[in-house]
Amino acid sequence: MSEKKILILCQYFYPEYVSSATLPTQLAEDLIANHINVDVMCGWPYEYSNHRDISKTEMHRGIRIRRL
């Protein structure tokens, strides 16, 4: 069986905490838990903790995130 992959395109994603960010984040985490590879292309976060640097690309719980 071939490897399953999905690309999620959204404006808001982790680490933002508004509902329009948490819903696609939870979806991606659930897909990863079901052994589906997930890539995300999203906008740059506006609301996040100042204790953390945000990079253009990162891995979060197995999800590859690319910010535009």
C-alpha atoms as a PDB file:
ATOM      1  CA  MET A   1       0.000   0.000   0.000  1.00  0.00           C
ATOM      2  CA  SER A   2       1.327   3.448  -0.848  1.00  0.00           C
ATOM      3  CA  GLU A   3       2.076   6.016   1.799  1.00  0.00           C
ATOM      4  CA  LYS A   4      -0.821   8.384   2.522  1.00  0.00           C
ATOM      5  CA  LYS A   5      -0.048  12.105   2.467  1.00  0.00           C
ATOM      6  CA  ILE A   6      -2.132  15.221   2.917  1.00  0.00           C
ATOM      7  CA  LEU A   7      -1.444  18.926   2.554  1.00  0.00           C
ATOM      8  CA  ILE A   8      -3.408  21.357   4.719  1.00  0.00           C
ATOM      9  CA  LEU A   9      -3.611  24.949   3.480  1.00  0.00           C
ATOM     10  CA  CYS A  10      -4.824  27.409   6.092  1.00  0.00           C
ATOM     11  CA  GLN A  11      -4.230  30.929   7.308  1.00  0.00           C
ATOM     12  CA  TYR A  12      -3.881  30.078  11.002  1.00  0.00           C
ATOM     13  CA  PHE A  13      -2.086  27.133  12.607  1.00  0.00           C
ATOM     14  CA  TYR A  14       0.010  26.233  15.660  1.00  0.00           C
ATOM     15  CA  PRO A  15       1.254  28.074  17.761  1.00  0.00           C
ATOM     16  CA  GLU A  16      -1.718  30.422  17.543  1.00  0.00           C
ATOM     17  CA  TYR A  17      -4.529  29.583  19.936  1.00  0.00           C
ATOM     18  CA  VAL A  18      -7.633  30.995  18.217  1.00  0.00           C
ATOM     19  CA  SER A  19     -10.211  28.401  17.139  1.00  0.00           C
ATOM     20  CA  SER A  20      -9.390  28.894  13.461  1.00  0.00           C
ATOM     21  CA  ALA A  21      -5.845  27.716  14.334  1.00  0.00           C
ATOM     22  CA  THR A  22      -6.613  24.978  16.847  1.00  0.00           C
ATOM     23  CA  LEU A  23      -9.054  23.137  14.565  1.00  0.00           C
ATOM     24  CA  PRO A  24      -6.583  22.509  11.694  1.00  0.00           C
ATOM     25  CA  THR A  25      -3.847  21.787  14.250  1.00  0.00           C
ATOM     26  CA  GLN A  26      -6.006  19.129  15.931  1.00  0.00           C
ATOM     27  CA  LEU A  27      -6.959  17.684  12.538  1.00  0.00           C
ATOM     28  CA  ALA A  28      -3.283  17.387  11.544  1.00  0.00           C
ATOM     29  CA  GLU A  29      -2.391  15.761  14.879  1.00  0.00           C
ATOM     30  CA  ASP A  30      -5.222  13.227  14.463  1.00  0.00           C
ATOM     31  CA  LEU A  31      -4.085  12.386  10.926  1.00  0.00           C
ATOM     32  CA  ILE A  32      -0.510  11.846  12.142  1.00  0.00           C
ATOM     33  CA  ALA A  33      -1.844   9.547  14.866  1.00  0.00           C
ATOM     34  CA  ASN A  34      -3.483   7.512  12.059  1.00  0.00           C
ATOM     35  CA  HIS A  35      -0.166   7.172  10.185  1.00  0.00           C
ATOM     36  CA  ILE A  36      -0.900   9.765   7.500  1.00  0.00           C
ATOM     37  CA  ASN A  37       1.915  12.167   6.617  1.00  0.00           C
ATOM     38  CA  VAL A  38       0.840  15.782   6.971  1.00  0.00           C
ATOM     39  CA  ASP A  39       2.357  18.958   5.551  1.00  0.00           C
ATOM     40  CA  VAL A  40       0.911  22.360   6.405  1.00  0.00           C
ATOM     41  CA  MET A  41       1.269  25.626   4.529  1.00  0.00           C
ATOM     42  CA  CYS A  42      -0.013  28.533   6.590  1.00  0.00           C
ATOM     43  CA  GLY A  43       0.353  32.207   7.250  1.00  0.00           C
ATOM     44  CA  TRP A  44       2.733  33.784   9.726  1.00  0.00           C
ATOM     45  CA  PRO A  45       1.380  33.706  13.311  1.00  0.00           C
ATOM     46  CA  TYR A  46       0.362  36.991  14.919  1.00  0.00           C
ATOM     47  CA  GLU A  47      -0.559  35.765  18.391  1.00  0.00           C
ATOM     48  CA  TYR A  48       1.878  33.494  20.183  1.00  0.00           C
ATOM     49  CA  SER A  49       4.088  33.356  23.228  1.00  0.00           C
ATOM     50  CA  ASN A  50       7.002  35.785  23.205  1.00  0.00           C
ATOM     51  CA  HIS A  51       9.092  33.045  24.830  1.00  0.00           C
ATOM     52  CA  ARG A  52       9.396  31.182  21.546  1.00  0.00           C
ATOM     53  CA  ASP A  53      11.043  32.029  18.249  1.00  0.00           C
ATOM     54  CA  ILE A  54       8.954  31.227  15.197  1.00  0.00           C
ATOM     55  CA  SER A  55      10.766  29.907  12.141  1.00  0.00           C
ATOM     56  CA  LYS A  56       9.658  29.739   8.515  1.00  0.00           C
ATOM     57  CA  THR A  57       9.741  25.928   8.631  1.00  0.00           C
ATOM     58  CA  GLU A  58       9.447  23.593  11.590  1.00  0.00           C
ATOM     59  CA  MET A  59       8.268  20.187  12.734  1.00  0.00           C
ATOM     60  CA  HIS A  60       5.527  20.019  15.350  1.00  0.00           C
ATOM     61  CA  ARG A  61       4.526  16.566  16.599  1.00  0.00           C
ATOM     62  CA  GLY A  62       5.481  15.037  13.268  1.00  0.00           C
ATOM     63  CA  ILE A  63       3.756  17.726  11.186  1.00  0.00           C
ATOM     64  CA  ARG A  64       5.944  19.672   8.764  1.00  0.00           C
ATOM     65  CA  ILE A  65       4.886  23.340   8.879  1.00  0.00           C
ATOM     66  CA  ARG A  66       5.863  25.893   6.240  1.00  0.00           C
ATOM     67  CA  ARG A  67       4.900  29.517   6.769  1.00  0.00           C
ATOM     68  CA  LEU A  68       4.399  32.029   3.988  1.00  0.00           C
END
